[in-house]
C-alpha atoms as a PDB file:
ATOM      1  CA  UNK A   1      81.032  99.966 118.094  1.00  0.00           C
ATOM      2  CA  UNK A   2      78.678  98.769 120.843  1.00  0.00           C
ATOM      3  CA  UNK A   3      78.605  98.992 124.625  1.00  0.00           C
ATOM      4  CA  UNK A   4      77.287  96.377 127.028  1.00  0.00           C
ATOM      5  CA  UNK A   5      76.084  98.908 129.574  1.00  0.00           C
ATOM      6  CA  UNK A   6      76.356 102.513 130.654  1.00  0.00           C
ATOM      7  CA  UNK A   7      77.189 103.636 134.175  1.00  0.00           C
ATOM      8  CA  UNK A   8      79.170 106.287 135.969  1.00  0.00           C
ATOM      9  CA  UNK A   9      82.842 105.799 136.350  1.00  0.00           C
ATOM     10  CA  UNK A  10      84.804 105.002 139.473  1.00  0.00           C
ATOM     11  CA  UNK A  11      88.305 106.432 139.181  1.00  0.00           C
ATOM     12  CA  UNK A  12      91.438 106.638 141.206  1.00  0.00           C
ATOM     13  CA  UNK A  13      91.521 110.020 143.019  1.00  0.00           C
ATOM     14  CA  UNK A  14      93.615 112.429 141.009  1.00  0.00           C
ATOM     15  CA  UNK A  15      94.279 115.850 142.461  1.00  0.00           C
ATOM     16  CA  UNK A  16      93.620 119.040 140.518  1.00  0.00           C
ATOM     17  CA  UNK A  17      96.667 120.026 138.557  1.00  0.00           C
ATOM     18  CA  UNK A  18      97.961 122.896 136.497  1.00  0.00           C
ATOM     19  CA  UNK A  19     100.465 121.023 134.364  1.00  0.00           C
ATOM     20  CA  UNK A  20      99.109 118.751 131.658  1.00  0.00           C
ATOM     21  CA  UNK A  21      99.751 115.016 131.864  1.00  0.00           C
ATOM     22  CA  UNK A  22     101.956 113.576 129.112  1.00  0.00           C
ATOM     23  CA  UNK A  23     101.563 110.002 127.890  1.00  0.00           C
ATOM     24  CA  UNK A  24     104.038 108.168 125.655  1.00  0.00           C
ATOM     25  CA  UNK A  25     102.437 105.669 123.274  1.00  0.00           C
ATOM     26  CA  UNK A  26     105.050 103.182 122.045  1.00  0.00           C
ATOM     27  CA  UNK A  27     103.837 101.375 118.912  1.00  0.00           C
ATOM     28  CA  UNK A  28     105.248  98.923 116.390  1.00  0.00           C
ATOM     29  CA  UNK A  29     105.862 101.881 114.093  1.00  0.00           C
ATOM     30  CA  UNK A  30     107.390 104.327 116.577  1.00  0.00           C
ATOM     31  CA  UNK A  31     106.552 106.545 119.532  1.00  0.00           C
ATOM     32  CA  UNK A  32     103.781 109.120 119.881  1.00  0.00           C
ATOM     33  CA  UNK A  33     103.610 111.565 122.782  1.00  0.00           C
ATOM     34  CA  UNK A  34     100.274 113.123 123.730  1.00  0.00           C
ATOM     35  CA  UNK A  35      99.190 115.617 126.352  1.00  0.00           C
ATOM     36  CA  UNK A  36      95.844 115.369 128.129  1.00  0.00           C
ATOM     37  CA  UNK A  37      93.742 118.486 128.663  1.00  0.00           C
ATOM     38  CA  UNK A  38      92.866 119.372 132.253  1.00  0.00           C
ATOM     39  CA  UNK A  39      89.503 120.869 131.336  1.00  0.00           C
ATOM     40  CA  UNK A  40      88.248 117.474 130.167  1.00  0.00           C
ATOM     41  CA  UNK A  41      88.937 115.878 133.579  1.00  0.00           C
ATOM     42  CA  UNK A  42      86.706 112.813 133.268  1.00  0.00           C
ATOM     43  CA  UNK A  43      88.413 111.771 130.034  1.00  0.00           C
ATOM     44  CA  UNK A  44      91.856 112.693 131.353  1.00  0.00           C
ATOM     45  CA  UNK A  45      91.427 110.677 134.533  1.00  0.00           C
ATOM     46  CA  UNK A  46      89.915 107.695 132.727  1.00  0.00           C
ATOM     47  CA  UNK A  47      92.771 107.635 130.209  1.00  0.00           C
ATOM     48  CA  UNK A  48      95.327 107.848 133.039  1.00  0.00           C
ATOM     49  CA  UNK A  49      93.523 105.009 134.829  1.00  0.00           C
ATOM     50  CA  UNK A  50      93.685 102.859 131.685  1.00  0.00           C
ATOM     51  CA  UNK A  51      97.384 103.630 131.250  1.00  0.00           C
ATOM     52  CA  UNK A  52      98.194 102.795 134.874  1.00  0.00           C
ATOM     53  CA  UNK A  53      96.267  99.539 134.605  1.00  0.00           C
ATOM     54  CA  UNK A  54      98.193  98.711 131.390  1.00  0.00           C
ATOM     55  CA  UNK A  55      94.860  98.238 129.639  1.00  0.00           C
ATOM     56  CA  UNK A  56      96.193  99.416 126.284  1.00  0.00           C
ATOM     57  CA  UNK A  57      99.265  97.205 126.135  1.00  0.00           C
ATOM     58  CA  UNK A  58      99.054  94.794 123.221  1.00  0.00           C
ATOM     59  CA  UNK A  59      95.935  96.384 121.700  1.00  0.00           C
ATOM     60  CA  UNK A  60      95.860  97.311 118.032  1.00  0.00           C
ATOM     61  CA  UNK A  61      95.172 100.335 115.898  1.00  0.00           C
ATOM     62  CA  UNK A  62      92.199  98.515 114.428  1.00  0.00           C
ATOM     63  CA  UNK A  63      90.599 101.212 112.229  1.00  0.00           C
ATOM     64  CA  UNK A  64      92.560 103.500 109.937  1.00  0.00           C
ATOM     65  CA  UNK A  65      91.214 105.871 107.301  1.00  0.00           C
ATOM     66  CA  UNK A  66      93.697 107.891 105.279  1.00  0.00           C
ATOM     67  CA  UNK A  67      93.362 111.664 105.582  1.00  0.00           C
ATOM     68  CA  UNK A  68      90.941 111.186 108.463  1.00  0.00           C
ATOM     69  CA  UNK A  69      92.122 109.353 111.599  1.00  0.00           C
ATOM     70  CA  UNK A  70      93.726 106.320 113.249  1.00  0.00           C
ATOM     71  CA  UNK A  71      91.720 104.517 115.950  1.00  0.00           C
ATOM     72  CA  UNK A  72      92.681 102.109 118.725  1.00  0.00           C
ATOM     73  CA  UNK A  73      91.604 100.851 122.121  1.00  0.00           C
ATOM     74  CA  UNK A  74      89.269  97.950 121.265  1.00  0.00           C
ATOM     75  CA  UNK A  75      89.860  95.621 124.231  1.00  0.00           C
ATOM     76  CA  UNK A  76      89.151  92.593 122.017  1.00  0.00           C
ATOM     77  CA  UNK A  77      91.933  93.486 119.588  1.00  0.00           C
ATOM     78  CA  UNK A  78      94.852  91.958 121.485  1.00  0.00           C
ATOM     79  CA  UNK A  79      96.249  89.091 119.403  1.00  0.00           C
ATOM     80  CA  UNK A  80      93.128  89.244 117.208  1.00  0.00           C
ATOM     81  CA  UNK A  81      93.471  87.238 113.981  1.00  0.00           C
ATOM     82  CA  UNK A  82      93.429  89.361 110.861  1.00  0.00           C
ATOM     83  CA  UNK A  83      89.995  88.067 109.792  1.00  0.00           C
ATOM     84  CA  UNK A  84      88.329  89.045 113.097  1.00  0.00           C
ATOM     85  CA  UNK A  85      85.975  92.020 112.997  1.00  0.00           C
ATOM     86  CA  UNK A  86      86.999  94.687 115.497  1.00  0.00           C
ATOM     87  CA  UNK A  87      85.423  97.871 116.818  1.00  0.00           C
ATOM     88  CA  UNK A  88      82.883  96.596 119.355  1.00  0.00           C
ATOM     89  CA  UNK A  89      85.228  95.855 122.251  1.00  0.00           C
ATOM     90  CA  UNK A  90      84.928  98.163 125.231  1.00  0.00           C
ATOM     91  CA  UNK A  91      85.060  98.177 129.026  1.00  0.00           C
ATOM     92  CA  UNK A  92      81.303  98.153 129.636  1.00  0.00           C
ATOM     93  CA  UNK A  93      80.828 101.782 130.676  1.00  0.00           C
ATOM     94  CA  UNK A  94      80.916 105.197 129.042  1.00  0.00           C
ATOM     95  CA  UNK A  95      82.323 108.620 129.919  1.00  0.00           C
ATOM     96  CA  UNK A  96      79.925 111.599 129.908  1.00  0.00           C
ATOM     97  CA  UNK A  97      80.677 113.949 127.027  1.00  0.00           C
ATOM     98  CA  UNK A  98      83.067 116.847 127.745  1.00  0.00           C
ATOM     99  CA  UNK A  99      82.851 118.766 124.499  1.00  0.00           C
ATOM    100  CA  UNK A 100      84.799 121.979 125.080  1.00  0.00           C
ATOM    101  CA  UNK A 101      84.021 123.570 121.731  1.00  0.00           C
ATOM    102  CA  UNK A 102      85.251 125.644 119.981  1.00  0.00           C
ATOM    103  CA  UNK A 103      88.331 125.749 122.192  1.00  0.00           C
ATOM    104  CA  UNK A 104      89.146 122.157 121.274  1.00  0.00           C
ATOM    105  CA  UNK A 105      88.372 121.009 117.770  1.00  0.00           C
ATOM    106  CA  UNK A 106      89.361 118.318 115.292  1.00  0.00           C
ATOM    107  CA  UNK A 107      92.599 119.740 113.974  1.00  0.00           C
ATOM    108  CA  UNK A 108      95.422 117.461 112.890  1.00  0.00           C
ATOM    109  CA  UNK A 109      96.889 115.716 115.934  1.00  0.00           C
ATOM    110  CA  UNK A 110      93.779 115.986 118.127  1.00  0.00           C
ATOM    111  CA  UNK A 111      93.298 113.082 120.557  1.00  0.00           C
ATOM    112  CA  UNK A 112      89.599 112.241 120.767  1.00  0.00           C
ATOM    113  CA  UNK A 113      87.216 109.723 122.285  1.00  0.00           C
ATOM    114  CA  UNK A 114      85.347 107.323 120.006  1.00  0.00           C
ATOM    115  CA  UNK A 115      81.673 106.641 120.700  1.00  0.00           C
ATOM    116  CA  UNK A 116      78.541 104.974 119.411  1.00  0.00           C
ATOM    117  CA  UNK A 117      76.238 106.872 117.048  1.00  0.00           C
ATOM    118  CA  UNK A 118      73.599 109.461 117.902  1.00  0.00           C
ATOM    119  CA  UNK A 119      70.755 107.036 117.201  1.00  0.00           C
ATOM    120  CA  UNK A 120      71.568 105.032 120.342  1.00  0.00           C
ATOM    121  CA  UNK A 121      73.736 107.616 122.097  1.00  0.00           C
ATOM    122  CA  UNK A 122      72.148 111.085 121.822  1.00  0.00           C
ATOM    123  CA  UNK A 123      74.143 112.234 124.895  1.00  0.00           C
ATOM    124  CA  UNK A 124      77.363 111.710 122.863  1.00  0.00           C
ATOM    125  CA  UNK A 125      78.908 109.718 125.731  1.00  0.00           C
ATOM    126  CA  UNK A 126      82.402 108.435 125.011  1.00  0.00           C
ATOM    127  CA  UNK A 127      83.885 104.971 124.886  1.00  0.00           C
ATOM    128  CA  UNK A 128      85.818 104.006 128.017  1.00  0.00           C
ATOM    129  CA  UNK A 129      88.815 102.764 126.021  1.00  0.00           C
ATOM    130  CA  UNK A 130      88.556 103.550 122.315  1.00  0.00           C
ATOM    131  CA  UNK A 131      90.255 106.701 121.061  1.00  0.00           C
ATOM    132  CA  UNK A 132      91.368 108.201 117.781  1.00  0.00           C
ATOM    133  CA  UNK A 133      94.023 110.625 116.593  1.00  0.00           C
ATOM    134  CA  UNK A 134      93.036 112.977 113.780  1.00  0.00           C
ATOM    135  CA  UNK A 135      95.182 113.109 110.666  1.00  0.00           C
ATOM    136  CA  UNK A 136      92.632 114.860 108.483  1.00  0.00           C
ATOM    137  CA  UNK A 137      93.034 116.734 105.242  1.00  0.00           C
ATOM    138  CA  UNK A 138      93.618 120.327 104.169  1.00  0.00           C
ATOM    139  CA  UNK A 139      90.689 122.627 103.415  1.00  0.00           C
ATOM    140  CA  UNK A 140      90.527 125.765 101.314  1.00  0.00           C
ATOM    141  CA  UNK A 141      88.885 128.926 102.593  1.00  0.00           C
ATOM    142  CA  UNK A 142      86.161 128.437  99.995  1.00  0.00           C
ATOM    143  CA  UNK A 143      85.432 124.919 101.260  1.00  0.00           C
ATOM    144  CA  UNK A 144      85.214 126.144 104.853  1.00  0.00           C
ATOM    145  CA  UNK A 145      82.937 129.025 103.881  1.00  0.00           C
ATOM    146  CA  UNK A 146      80.656 126.571 102.087  1.00  0.00           C
ATOM    147  CA  UNK A 147      80.629 124.305 105.135  1.00  0.00           C
ATOM    148  CA  UNK A 148      79.613 127.213 107.353  1.00  0.00           C
ATOM    149  CA  UNK A 149      76.719 128.196 105.085  1.00  0.00           C
ATOM    150  CA  UNK A 150      75.436 124.653 104.535  1.00  0.00           C
ATOM    151  CA  UNK A 151      75.580 123.679 108.211  1.00  0.00           C
ATOM    152  CA  UNK A 152      74.657 127.022 109.755  1.00  0.00           C
ATOM    153  CA  UNK A 153      77.856 127.223 111.803  1.00  0.00           C
ATOM    154  CA  UNK A 154      80.582 129.786 112.365  1.00  0.00           C
ATOM    155  CA  UNK A 155      84.200 128.656 112.518  1.00  0.00           C
ATOM    156  CA  UNK A 156      86.628 130.666 114.612  1.00  0.00           C
ATOM    157  CA  UNK A 157      89.693 132.265 112.986  1.00  0.00           C
ATOM    158  CA  UNK A 158      91.812 129.678 114.838  1.00  0.00           C
ATOM    159  CA  UNK A 159      89.801 126.813 113.359  1.00  0.00           C
ATOM    160  CA  UNK A 160      90.006 128.199 109.847  1.00  0.00           C
ATOM    161  CA  UNK A 161      93.744 128.741 110.093  1.00  0.00           C
ATOM    162  CA  UNK A 162      94.325 125.239 111.462  1.00  0.00           C
ATOM    163  CA  UNK A 163      92.160 123.520 108.854  1.00  0.00           C
ATOM    164  CA  UNK A 164      93.825 125.408 106.004  1.00  0.00           C
ATOM    165  CA  UNK A 165      97.444 125.170 107.194  1.00  0.00           C
ATOM    166  CA  UNK A 166      97.523 121.925 109.231  1.00  0.00           C
ATOM    167  CA  UNK A 167      94.430 120.000 108.187  1.00  0.00           C
ATOM    168  CA  UNK A 168      91.818 118.214 110.214  1.00  0.00           C
ATOM    169  CA  UNK A 169      88.274 116.827 110.291  1.00  0.00           C
ATOM    170  CA  UNK A 170      85.898 119.779 110.887  1.00  0.00           C
ATOM    171  CA  UNK A 171      82.754 117.727 110.235  1.00  0.00           C
ATOM    172  CA  UNK A 172      83.292 116.056 113.641  1.00  0.00           C
ATOM    173  CA  UNK A 173      83.460 119.315 115.604  1.00  0.00           C
ATOM    174  CA  UNK A 174      81.050 119.616 118.494  1.00  0.00           C
ATOM    175  CA  UNK A 175      80.041 115.956 118.310  1.00  0.00           C
ATOM    176  CA  UNK A 176      82.958 114.104 119.908  1.00  0.00           C
ATOM    177  CA  UNK A 177      85.075 114.877 122.964  1.00  0.00           C
ATOM    178  CA  UNK A 178      88.569 116.147 122.154  1.00  0.00           C
ATOM    179  CA  UNK A 179      90.601 115.496 125.310  1.00  0.00           C
ATOM    180  CA  UNK A 180      94.229 115.891 124.233  1.00  0.00           C
ATOM    181  CA  UNK A 181      96.644 116.326 121.375  1.00  0.00           C
ATOM    182  CA  UNK A 182      99.861 114.939 119.949  1.00  0.00           C
ATOM    183  CA  UNK A 183     102.911 116.960 120.987  1.00  0.00           C
ATOM    184  CA  UNK A 184     105.524 114.715 119.368  1.00  0.00           C
ATOM    185  CA  UNK A 185     105.398 111.864 116.873  1.00  0.00           C
ATOM    186  CA  UNK A 186     102.944 112.946 114.160  1.00  0.00           C
ATOM    187  CA  UNK A 187     105.340 111.410 111.626  1.00  0.00           C
ATOM    188  CA  UNK A 188     104.614 108.082 113.308  1.00  0.00           C
ATOM    189  CA  UNK A 189     100.864 108.743 113.136  1.00  0.00           C
ATOM    190  CA  UNK A 190     101.278 109.466 109.422  1.00  0.00           C
ATOM    191  CA  UNK A 191     103.186 106.207 108.919  1.00  0.00           C
ATOM    192  CA  UNK A 192     100.288 104.395 110.547  1.00  0.00           C
ATOM    193  CA  UNK A 193      97.602 106.160 108.514  1.00  0.00           C
ATOM    194  CA  UNK A 194      99.152 105.173 105.189  1.00  0.00           C
ATOM    195  CA  UNK A 195      99.316 101.402 105.753  1.00  0.00           C
ATOM    196  CA  UNK A 196      97.163  99.168 103.579  1.00  0.00           C
ATOM    197  CA  UNK A 197      93.762  98.277 104.990  1.00  0.00           C
ATOM    198  CA  UNK A 198      90.891  95.922 104.196  1.00  0.00           C
ATOM    199  CA  UNK A 199      87.215  96.710 103.534  1.00  0.00           C
ATOM    200  CA  UNK A 200      86.663  97.204 107.289  1.00  0.00           C
ATOM    201  CA  UNK A 201      89.467  99.800 107.415  1.00  0.00           C
ATOM    202  CA  UNK A 202      91.569  97.373 109.450  1.00  0.00           C
ATOM    203  CA  UNK A 203      95.303  97.258 108.612  1.00  0.00           C
ATOM    204  CA  UNK A 204      96.355  94.158 106.682  1.00  0.00           C
ATOM    205  CA  UNK A 205      99.254  93.864 109.113  1.00  0.00           C
ATOM    206  CA  UNK A 206      98.630  94.347 112.834  1.00  0.00           C
ATOM    207  CA  UNK A 207      99.923  97.599 114.348  1.00  0.00           C
ATOM    208  CA  UNK A 208     100.297  97.101 118.076  1.00  0.00           C
ATOM    209  CA  UNK A 209     100.428  99.463 121.031  1.00  0.00           C
ATOM    210  CA  UNK A 210     103.404  97.990 122.880  1.00  0.00           C
ATOM    211  CA  UNK A 211     103.191 100.197 125.961  1.00  0.00           C
ATOM    212  CA  UNK A 212     101.666 103.415 127.241  1.00  0.00           C
ATOM    213  CA  UNK A 213     103.443 105.263 130.045  1.00  0.00           C
ATOM    214  CA  UNK A 214     103.018 108.564 131.835  1.00  0.00           C
ATOM    215  CA  UNK A 215     106.147 110.677 131.342  1.00  0.00           C
ATOM    216  CA  UNK A 216     107.532 113.939 132.738  1.00  0.00           C
ATOM    217  CA  UNK A 217     108.606 115.589 129.496  1.00  0.00           C
END
């Protein structure tokens, strides 16, 4: 995934709030409801801006890896023919990283911002439109202990419990902004993650985001 340029974001004014914003993602395969975290305000406000501008409508889940994640938000993916390479389409700006770790981590259902790699993006700035939802896999306590020793990290009890009982993608922790989570519709996310894909991890049949709307409950 590539960006044309990087600059600070101009957003609609959104007042500080205690309640978390809920967004309903209506797809070809069902509905997914996510909540946006208030302590990642730049990502929250940018996502709300995109939803209000209907920027996601008609875009595809263009990259799917089983037991890992489903990714969407490439602005070039609308009506893209199946042979077209996707993953580089973006809005021309990035969002400064808001990595609230270890409070937010890559457990199953986490809503996260995609980004370019560290080699060209050492600040870990996020894509303006591309996002992914973690599906992940289950880990044993032994696997997590090994990961801690090999990487010189310490996982919290909450992380360990989540990765053993729910699953996730712990190797991404601390490197990507987690700015929300699925509160309803993980069965739909699972349906999406198990579709057949090609060598670019693109589904053989397009999976479209029909609408995204902000909802009350």
